[in-house]
Amino acid sequence: MGQTTLYELGRWESVTRTVTAKDVERFAEATGDTNPVHLDEAFAATTRFKHRIAHGMLVGSYISALIGTDFPGPGAIYLSQTMKFIAPVYLGDTLTIRASVAGYRPEKEILTLETVVTNQHGVKVVTGEAVCLVSEVMSTPPLTVDVSGTYV
């Protein structure tokens, strides 16, 4: 119980991820969000963006992946997530997804994280706040997950 030192104010973790056409297409298939600004370059060329852009929620799912995989890690449970979409994310952008400890309530094992996603130019594309229950976070996360999703 209570991992106070792990959740010190200001501690942060980050991951990087390059957005691919395949990511966007799989996200569209999984969610049913087939907005042509994400999938059709000819249509996207007629918009203010001029090129295809990634789904905002795809970028949000990268935050979820950081929280559930790296920090705080497997067993973390989302209670809430706010997101402000500041700039478009284009296919081929390399994103840095960062979560910083903004608060920790050890008596409830609730962790608040500031979440920020920046592109390869250092431009913030998404900002927000995540609140997570961390009572079930594994003290030693598994090293690998096989293709079936089983921890090995």
N, C-alpha and C. Protein backbone atom coordinates (compact mmCIF):
# COMPACT_ATOMS: atom_id res chain seq x y z
N MET A 1 0.83 -1.20 0.00
CA MET A 1 0.00 0.00 0.00
C MET A 1 0.86 1.25 0.00
N GLY A 2 0.36 2.32 -0.61
CA GLY A 2 1.00 3.62 -0.54
C GLY A 2 2.42 3.64 -1.06
N GLN A 3 2.62 4.07 -2.27
CA GLN A 3 3.95 4.14 -2.85
C GLN A 3 4.34 5.62 -2.95
N THR A 4 4.46 6.28 -1.79
CA THR A 4 4.67 7.72 -1.74
C THR A 4 5.90 8.15 -2.51
N THR A 5 7.04 7.50 -2.33
CA THR A 5 8.26 7.94 -3.01
C THR A 5 8.15 7.77 -4.51
N LEU A 6 7.44 6.75 -4.95
CA LEU A 6 7.24 6.53 -6.38
C LEU A 6 6.41 7.66 -6.99
N TYR A 7 5.56 8.26 -6.17
CA TYR A 7 4.63 9.28 -6.67
C TYR A 7 4.97 10.67 -6.15
N GLU A 8 6.25 10.98 -6.05
CA GLU A 8 6.68 12.31 -5.60
C GLU A 8 6.25 13.37 -6.60
N LEU A 9 5.82 14.50 -6.08
CA LEU A 9 5.40 15.63 -6.89
C LEU A 9 6.51 15.98 -7.89
N GLY A 10 6.14 16.08 -9.16
CA GLY A 10 7.10 16.45 -10.20
C GLY A 10 7.74 15.27 -10.91
N ARG A 11 7.68 14.07 -10.32
CA ARG A 11 8.25 12.91 -11.01
C ARG A 11 7.51 12.71 -12.33
N TRP A 12 8.23 12.32 -13.35
CA TRP A 12 7.59 12.14 -14.64
C TRP A 12 8.21 10.97 -15.40
N GLU A 13 7.44 10.49 -16.35
CA GLU A 13 7.88 9.46 -17.29
C GLU A 13 7.37 9.86 -18.66
N SER A 14 8.06 9.41 -19.70
CA SER A 14 7.59 9.72 -21.05
C SER A 14 7.93 8.57 -21.99
N VAL A 15 7.22 8.54 -23.09
CA VAL A 15 7.48 7.60 -24.18
C VAL A 15 7.35 8.38 -25.48
N THR A 16 7.94 7.87 -26.53
CA THR A 16 7.76 8.48 -27.84
C THR A 16 7.07 7.49 -28.76
N ARG A 17 6.36 8.04 -29.71
CA ARG A 17 5.60 7.20 -30.64
C ARG A 17 5.45 7.96 -31.95
N THR A 18 5.71 7.31 -33.05
CA THR A 18 5.50 7.91 -34.36
C THR A 18 4.15 7.45 -34.90
N VAL A 19 3.32 8.40 -35.31
CA VAL A 19 1.98 8.11 -35.80
C VAL A 19 2.09 7.63 -37.25
N THR A 20 1.52 6.48 -37.53
CA THR A 20 1.57 5.92 -38.88
C THR A 20 0.17 5.86 -39.48
N ALA A 21 0.12 5.75 -40.80
CA ALA A 21 -1.17 5.57 -41.48
C ALA A 21 -1.85 4.31 -40.97
N LYS A 22 -1.07 3.27 -40.73
CA LYS A 22 -1.63 2.01 -40.24
C LYS A 22 -2.30 2.21 -38.87
N ASP A 23 -1.65 2.99 -37.98
CA ASP A 23 -2.25 3.29 -36.67
C ASP A 23 -3.61 3.95 -36.84
N VAL A 24 -3.66 4.97 -37.71
CA VAL A 24 -4.89 5.73 -37.93
C VAL A 24 -5.97 4.83 -38.54
N GLU A 25 -5.60 4.01 -39.50
CA GLU A 25 -6.57 3.12 -40.14
C GLU A 25 -7.09 2.06 -39.18
N ARG A 26 -6.21 1.51 -38.35
CA ARG A 26 -6.65 0.52 -37.36
C ARG A 26 -7.56 1.16 -36.32
N PHE A 27 -7.23 2.38 -35.91
CA PHE A 27 -8.07 3.09 -34.94
C PHE A 27 -9.46 3.34 -35.54
N ALA A 28 -9.50 3.76 -36.79
CA ALA A 28 -10.79 3.99 -37.47
C ALA A 28 -11.59 2.69 -37.53
N GLU A 29 -10.92 1.60 -37.85
CA GLU A 29 -11.60 0.30 -37.93
C GLU A 29 -12.12 -0.13 -36.56
N ALA A 30 -11.31 0.07 -35.52
CA ALA A 30 -11.71 -0.37 -34.17
C ALA A 30 -12.86 0.47 -33.62
N THR A 31 -12.88 1.77 -33.95
CA THR A 31 -13.86 2.66 -33.33
C THR A 31 -15.04 2.99 -34.23
N GLY A 32 -14.88 2.81 -35.54
CA GLY A 32 -15.93 3.20 -36.48
C GLY A 32 -15.86 4.67 -36.85
N ASP A 33 -14.84 5.40 -36.38
CA ASP A 33 -14.68 6.82 -36.71
C ASP A 33 -13.97 6.91 -38.06
N THR A 34 -14.76 7.02 -39.11
CA THR A 34 -14.22 7.03 -40.48
C THR A 34 -14.27 8.43 -41.09
N ASN A 35 -14.16 9.45 -40.26
CA ASN A 35 -14.11 10.82 -40.75
C ASN A 35 -13.02 10.90 -41.83
N PRO A 36 -13.36 11.40 -43.03
CA PRO A 36 -12.38 11.40 -44.12
C PRO A 36 -11.16 12.28 -43.87
N VAL A 37 -11.22 13.20 -42.94
CA VAL A 37 -10.02 14.01 -42.64
C VAL A 37 -8.90 13.12 -42.08
N HIS A 38 -9.27 11.95 -41.57
CA HIS A 38 -8.29 11.00 -41.05
C HIS A 38 -7.84 9.98 -42.09
N LEU A 39 -8.71 9.70 -43.07
CA LEU A 39 -8.50 8.55 -43.95
C LEU A 39 -8.31 8.87 -45.43
N ASP A 40 -8.70 10.05 -45.86
CA ASP A 40 -8.72 10.37 -47.29
C ASP A 40 -7.86 11.62 -47.56
N GLU A 41 -6.70 11.40 -48.14
CA GLU A 41 -5.77 12.51 -48.39
C GLU A 41 -6.38 13.57 -49.29
N ALA A 42 -7.15 13.16 -50.32
CA ALA A 42 -7.77 14.13 -51.23
C ALA A 42 -8.77 15.01 -50.47
N PHE A 43 -9.56 14.40 -49.61
CA PHE A 43 -10.49 15.19 -48.81
C PHE A 43 -9.72 16.10 -47.85
N ALA A 44 -8.75 15.54 -47.15
CA ALA A 44 -7.98 16.32 -46.17
C ALA A 44 -7.31 17.53 -46.82
N ALA A 45 -6.92 17.40 -48.09
CA ALA A 45 -6.27 18.51 -48.81
C ALA A 45 -7.20 19.71 -48.94
N THR A 46 -8.51 19.49 -48.86
CA THR A 46 -9.48 20.59 -48.99
C THR A 46 -9.79 21.26 -47.65
N THR A 47 -9.19 20.74 -46.58
CA THR A 47 -9.46 21.27 -45.24
C THR A 47 -8.36 22.22 -44.81
N ARG A 48 -8.57 22.87 -43.69
CA ARG A 48 -7.54 23.76 -43.14
C ARG A 48 -6.24 23.03 -42.82
N PHE A 49 -6.29 21.70 -42.66
CA PHE A 49 -5.11 20.92 -42.28
C PHE A 49 -4.21 20.57 -43.47
N LYS A 50 -4.80 20.50 -44.68
CA LYS A 50 -4.10 20.23 -45.94
C LYS A 50 -3.59 18.81 -46.10
N HIS A 51 -3.55 18.05 -45.02
CA HIS A 51 -3.12 16.64 -45.05
C HIS A 51 -3.94 15.87 -44.03
N ARG A 52 -3.91 14.55 -44.12
CA ARG A 52 -4.59 13.71 -43.14
C ARG A 52 -4.05 14.00 -41.75
N ILE A 53 -4.94 13.95 -40.77
CA ILE A 53 -4.55 14.11 -39.38
C ILE A 53 -5.01 12.88 -38.59
N ALA A 54 -4.31 12.64 -37.49
CA ALA A 54 -4.66 11.53 -36.60
C ALA A 54 -5.90 11.90 -35.80
N HIS A 55 -6.67 10.91 -35.41
CA HIS A 55 -7.79 11.10 -34.50
C HIS A 55 -7.25 11.64 -33.17
N GLY A 56 -7.94 12.62 -32.61
CA GLY A 56 -7.54 13.12 -31.30
C GLY A 56 -7.54 12.03 -30.25
N MET A 57 -8.53 11.16 -30.33
CA MET A 57 -8.61 10.10 -29.32
C MET A 57 -7.55 9.02 -29.52
N LEU A 58 -7.03 8.88 -30.73
CA LEU A 58 -5.88 7.99 -30.93
C LEU A 58 -4.70 8.54 -30.12
N VAL A 59 -4.49 9.83 -30.21
CA VAL A 59 -3.41 10.46 -29.43
C VAL A 59 -3.70 10.28 -27.94
N GLY A 60 -4.97 10.45 -27.55
CA GLY A 60 -5.34 10.21 -26.16
C GLY A 60 -5.06 8.79 -25.71
N SER A 61 -5.21 7.84 -26.63
CA SER A 61 -4.94 6.44 -26.26
C SER A 61 -3.45 6.21 -26.01
N TYR A 62 -2.60 7.05 -26.59
CA TYR A 62 -1.16 6.95 -26.29
C TYR A 62 -0.90 7.34 -24.83
N ILE A 63 -1.68 8.29 -24.32
CA ILE A 63 -1.58 8.64 -22.89
C ILE A 63 -2.00 7.44 -22.06
N SER A 64 -3.10 6.81 -22.43
CA SER A 64 -3.58 5.63 -21.73
C SER A 64 -2.52 4.52 -21.72
N ALA A 65 -1.85 4.35 -22.86
CA ALA A 65 -0.81 3.32 -22.94
C ALA A 65 0.35 3.61 -21.99
N LEU A 66 0.75 4.87 -21.91
CA LEU A 66 1.82 5.25 -20.98
C LEU A 66 1.41 4.93 -19.55
N ILE A 67 0.19 5.32 -19.19
CA ILE A 67 -0.29 5.11 -17.82
C ILE A 67 -0.43 3.63 -17.48
N GLY A 68 -0.96 2.84 -18.39
CA GLY A 68 -1.20 1.43 -18.10
C GLY A 68 -0.01 0.52 -18.29
N THR A 69 1.01 1.03 -18.98
CA THR A 69 2.16 0.18 -19.28
C THR A 69 3.43 0.61 -18.55
N ASP A 70 3.69 1.92 -18.52
CA ASP A 70 4.96 2.40 -17.98
C ASP A 70 4.84 3.12 -16.64
N PHE A 71 3.94 4.09 -16.55
CA PHE A 71 3.84 4.87 -15.33
C PHE A 71 2.43 5.39 -15.14
N PRO A 72 1.75 5.02 -14.08
CA PRO A 72 2.24 4.21 -12.97
C PRO A 72 2.44 2.74 -13.30
N GLY A 73 1.78 2.23 -14.37
CA GLY A 73 2.06 0.88 -14.83
C GLY A 73 0.88 -0.06 -14.74
N PRO A 74 1.13 -1.36 -15.05
CA PRO A 74 0.07 -2.36 -15.06
C PRO A 74 -0.69 -2.39 -13.73
N GLY A 75 -2.00 -2.36 -13.84
CA GLY A 75 -2.86 -2.34 -12.67
C GLY A 75 -3.43 -0.96 -12.38
N ALA A 76 -2.86 0.10 -12.99
CA ALA A 76 -3.41 1.44 -12.81
C ALA A 76 -4.81 1.48 -13.44
N ILE A 77 -5.72 2.14 -12.76
CA ILE A 77 -7.10 2.23 -13.24
C ILE A 77 -7.45 3.71 -13.42
N TYR A 78 -7.86 4.05 -14.63
CA TYR A 78 -8.30 5.41 -14.92
C TYR A 78 -9.55 5.75 -14.12
N LEU A 79 -9.56 6.91 -13.50
CA LEU A 79 -10.78 7.46 -12.91
C LEU A 79 -11.30 8.59 -13.78
N SER A 80 -10.36 9.35 -14.36
CA SER A 80 -10.77 10.40 -15.29
C SER A 80 -9.57 10.86 -16.12
N GLN A 81 -9.88 11.52 -17.24
CA GLN A 81 -8.86 12.10 -18.10
C GLN A 81 -9.48 13.31 -18.78
N THR A 82 -8.84 14.45 -18.66
CA THR A 82 -9.26 15.61 -19.44
C THR A 82 -8.24 15.77 -20.56
N MET A 83 -8.69 16.30 -21.68
CA MET A 83 -7.78 16.55 -22.80
C MET A 83 -8.20 17.82 -23.51
N LYS A 84 -7.21 18.64 -23.83
CA LYS A 84 -7.42 19.80 -24.67
C LYS A 84 -6.57 19.59 -25.92
N PHE A 85 -7.22 19.60 -27.06
CA PHE A 85 -6.54 19.37 -28.34
C PHE A 85 -6.09 20.74 -28.86
N ILE A 86 -4.78 20.96 -28.87
CA ILE A 86 -4.22 22.27 -29.16
C ILE A 86 -3.76 22.42 -30.61
N ALA A 87 -3.17 21.38 -31.15
CA ALA A 87 -2.64 21.44 -32.51
C ALA A 87 -2.87 20.09 -33.18
N PRO A 88 -2.96 20.09 -34.52
CA PRO A 88 -3.19 18.82 -35.22
C PRO A 88 -1.97 17.91 -35.14
N VAL A 89 -2.25 16.62 -35.23
CA VAL A 89 -1.20 15.61 -35.30
C VAL A 89 -1.30 14.98 -36.68
N TYR A 90 -0.21 15.09 -37.43
CA TYR A 90 -0.17 14.57 -38.80
C TYR A 90 0.47 13.19 -38.82
N LEU A 91 0.11 12.41 -39.84
CA LEU A 91 0.75 11.12 -40.03
C LEU A 91 2.24 11.37 -40.20
N GLY A 92 3.05 10.58 -39.54
CA GLY A 92 4.49 10.75 -39.57
C GLY A 92 5.05 11.57 -38.42
N ASP A 93 4.18 12.27 -37.67
CA ASP A 93 4.66 13.03 -36.51
C ASP A 93 5.18 12.06 -35.46
N THR A 94 6.26 12.45 -34.81
CA THR A 94 6.79 11.70 -33.67
C THR A 94 6.40 12.46 -32.42
N LEU A 95 5.65 11.79 -31.58
CA LEU A 95 5.09 12.41 -30.38
C LEU A 95 5.83 11.96 -29.14
N THR A 96 5.97 12.88 -28.20
CA THR A 96 6.45 12.54 -26.87
C THR A 96 5.27 12.68 -25.94
N ILE A 97 4.94 11.58 -25.28
CA ILE A 97 3.82 11.53 -24.36
C ILE A 97 4.40 11.53 -22.96
N ARG A 98 4.02 12.52 -22.15
CA ARG A 98 4.62 12.69 -20.83
C ARG A 98 3.55 12.79 -19.76
N ALA A 99 3.77 12.10 -18.66
CA ALA A 99 2.89 12.16 -17.49
C ALA A 99 3.73 12.56 -16.29
N SER A 100 3.32 13.64 -15.62
CA SER A 100 4.04 14.17 -14.45
C SER A 100 3.13 14.13 -13.23
N VAL A 101 3.68 13.74 -12.10
CA VAL A 101 2.89 13.68 -10.87
C VAL A 101 2.51 15.11 -10.46
N ALA A 102 1.21 15.33 -10.37
CA ALA A 102 0.69 16.63 -9.94
C ALA A 102 0.10 16.54 -8.52
N GLY A 103 -0.16 15.32 -8.07
CA GLY A 103 -0.70 15.12 -6.73
C GLY A 103 -0.87 13.65 -6.43
N TYR A 104 -0.79 13.32 -5.15
CA TYR A 104 -0.99 11.93 -4.73
C TYR A 104 -1.70 11.93 -3.39
N ARG A 105 -2.78 11.16 -3.29
CA ARG A 105 -3.53 10.99 -2.05
C ARG A 105 -3.29 9.57 -1.54
N PRO A 106 -2.26 9.38 -0.70
CA PRO A 106 -1.90 8.01 -0.28
C PRO A 106 -3.01 7.28 0.46
N GLU A 107 -3.85 8.01 1.21
CA GLU A 107 -4.92 7.35 1.96
C GLU A 107 -5.95 6.71 1.04
N LYS A 108 -6.09 7.23 -0.18
CA LYS A 108 -7.03 6.69 -1.17
C LYS A 108 -6.30 6.01 -2.32
N GLU A 109 -4.99 6.14 -2.34
CA GLU A 109 -4.14 5.63 -3.42
C GLU A 109 -4.63 6.15 -4.78
N ILE A 110 -4.83 7.47 -4.81
CA ILE A 110 -5.26 8.16 -6.02
C ILE A 110 -4.15 9.10 -6.47
N LEU A 111 -3.75 8.92 -7.71
CA LEU A 111 -2.66 9.68 -8.31
C LEU A 111 -3.22 10.61 -9.37
N THR A 112 -2.80 11.88 -9.33
CA THR A 112 -3.17 12.85 -10.35
C THR A 112 -1.93 13.17 -11.18
N LEU A 113 -2.08 13.08 -12.49
CA LEU A 113 -0.96 13.30 -13.41
C LEU A 113 -1.29 14.43 -14.37
N GLU A 114 -0.33 15.31 -14.59
CA GLU A 114 -0.45 16.26 -15.69
C GLU A 114 0.00 15.50 -16.94
N THR A 115 -0.78 15.55 -17.99
CA THR A 115 -0.43 14.84 -19.22
C THR A 115 -0.21 15.86 -20.34
N VAL A 116 0.90 15.69 -21.04
CA VAL A 116 1.26 16.59 -22.14
C VAL A 116 1.81 15.76 -23.28
N VAL A 117 1.33 16.04 -24.49
CA VAL A 117 1.85 15.40 -25.70
C VAL A 117 2.42 16.51 -26.57
N THR A 118 3.67 16.33 -26.99
CA THR A 118 4.33 17.29 -27.87
C THR A 118 4.77 16.57 -29.14
N ASN A 119 4.87 17.33 -30.23
CA ASN A 119 5.37 16.74 -31.47
C ASN A 119 6.88 16.92 -31.58
N GLN A 120 7.43 16.48 -32.69
CA GLN A 120 8.88 16.51 -32.89
C GLN A 120 9.44 17.93 -32.96
N HIS A 121 8.58 18.93 -33.09
CA HIS A 121 9.01 20.32 -33.12
C HIS A 121 8.89 20.98 -31.74
N GLY A 122 8.48 20.18 -30.73
CA GLY A 122 8.30 20.71 -29.39
C GLY A 122 6.97 21.42 -29.19
N VAL A 123 6.09 21.32 -30.16
CA VAL A 123 4.77 21.95 -30.08
C VAL A 123 3.83 21.06 -29.26
N LYS A 124 3.18 21.66 -28.26
CA LYS A 124 2.17 20.91 -27.49
C LYS A 124 0.98 20.66 -28.40
N VAL A 125 0.57 19.39 -28.49
CA VAL A 125 -0.60 19.05 -29.31
C VAL A 125 -1.79 18.66 -28.45
N VAL A 126 -1.54 18.11 -27.27
CA VAL A 126 -2.61 17.74 -26.33
C VAL A 126 -2.09 18.01 -24.92
N THR A 127 -2.95 18.61 -24.09
CA THR A 127 -2.64 18.75 -22.66
C THR A 127 -3.84 18.25 -21.88
N GLY A 128 -3.61 17.89 -20.63
CA GLY A 128 -4.72 17.45 -19.81
C GLY A 128 -4.27 16.96 -18.45
N GLU A 129 -5.20 16.27 -17.81
CA GLU A 129 -4.95 15.73 -16.48
C GLU A 129 -5.60 14.35 -16.37
N ALA A 130 -4.84 13.41 -15.84
CA ALA A 130 -5.35 12.07 -15.60
C ALA A 130 -5.42 11.83 -14.10
N VAL A 131 -6.47 11.15 -13.67
CA VAL A 131 -6.60 10.73 -12.28
C VAL A 131 -6.72 9.22 -12.30
N CYS A 132 -5.88 8.56 -11.50
CA CYS A 132 -5.80 7.10 -11.53
C CYS A 132 -5.84 6.52 -10.13
N LEU A 133 -6.45 5.37 -10.03
CA LEU A 133 -6.38 4.56 -8.82
C LEU A 133 -5.15 3.68 -8.97
N VAL A 134 -4.26 3.72 -7.98
CA VAL A 134 -3.00 2.99 -8.13
C VAL A 134 -2.83 1.87 -7.11
N SER A 135 -3.91 1.52 -6.39
CA SER A 135 -3.81 0.48 -5.37
C SER A 135 -3.49 -0.89 -5.95
N GLU A 136 -3.79 -1.10 -7.23
CA GLU A 136 -3.55 -2.41 -7.85
C GLU A 136 -2.32 -2.43 -8.75
N VAL A 137 -1.53 -1.35 -8.76
CA VAL A 137 -0.33 -1.32 -9.60
C VAL A 137 0.62 -2.40 -9.14
N MET A 138 1.11 -3.15 -10.11
CA MET A 138 2.04 -4.24 -9.82
C MET A 138 3.37 -3.66 -9.36
N SER A 139 3.91 -4.19 -8.24
CA SER A 139 5.18 -3.66 -7.73
C SER A 139 6.33 -3.98 -8.68
N THR A 140 6.27 -5.12 -9.32
CA THR A 140 7.25 -5.45 -10.35
C THR A 140 6.49 -5.81 -11.60
N PRO A 141 6.37 -4.84 -12.53
CA PRO A 141 5.61 -5.10 -13.75
C PRO A 141 6.21 -6.24 -14.56
N PRO A 142 5.37 -6.95 -15.28
CA PRO A 142 5.88 -8.01 -16.15
C PRO A 142 6.77 -7.41 -17.22
N LEU A 143 7.72 -8.17 -17.68
CA LEU A 143 8.66 -7.67 -18.66
C LEU A 143 8.10 -7.70 -20.07
N THR A 144 7.27 -8.68 -20.38
CA THR A 144 6.79 -8.81 -21.75
C THR A 144 5.33 -9.25 -21.78
N VAL A 145 4.70 -8.91 -22.88
CA VAL A 145 3.35 -9.40 -23.16
C VAL A 145 3.41 -10.07 -24.51
N ASP A 146 2.93 -11.33 -24.58
CA ASP A 146 2.95 -12.02 -25.87
C ASP A 146 1.80 -11.52 -26.74
N VAL A 147 1.73 -11.98 -27.98
CA VAL A 147 0.74 -11.49 -28.94
C VAL A 147 -0.69 -11.72 -28.50
N SER A 148 -0.94 -12.67 -27.62
CA SER A 148 -2.30 -12.93 -27.14
C SER A 148 -2.68 -11.99 -25.99
N GLY A 149 -1.71 -11.18 -25.52
CA GLY A 149 -1.97 -10.27 -24.41
C GLY A 149 -1.66 -10.88 -23.06
N THR A 150 -1.07 -12.07 -23.05
CA THR A 150 -0.72 -12.75 -21.80
C THR A 150 0.65 -12.29 -21.33
N TYR A 151 0.74 -11.97 -20.03
CA TYR A 151 2.04 -11.59 -19.46
C TYR A 151 2.93 -12.81 -19.35
N VAL A 152 4.17 -12.65 -19.78
CA VAL A 152 5.15 -13.74 -19.70
C VAL A 152 6.39 -13.29 -19.00
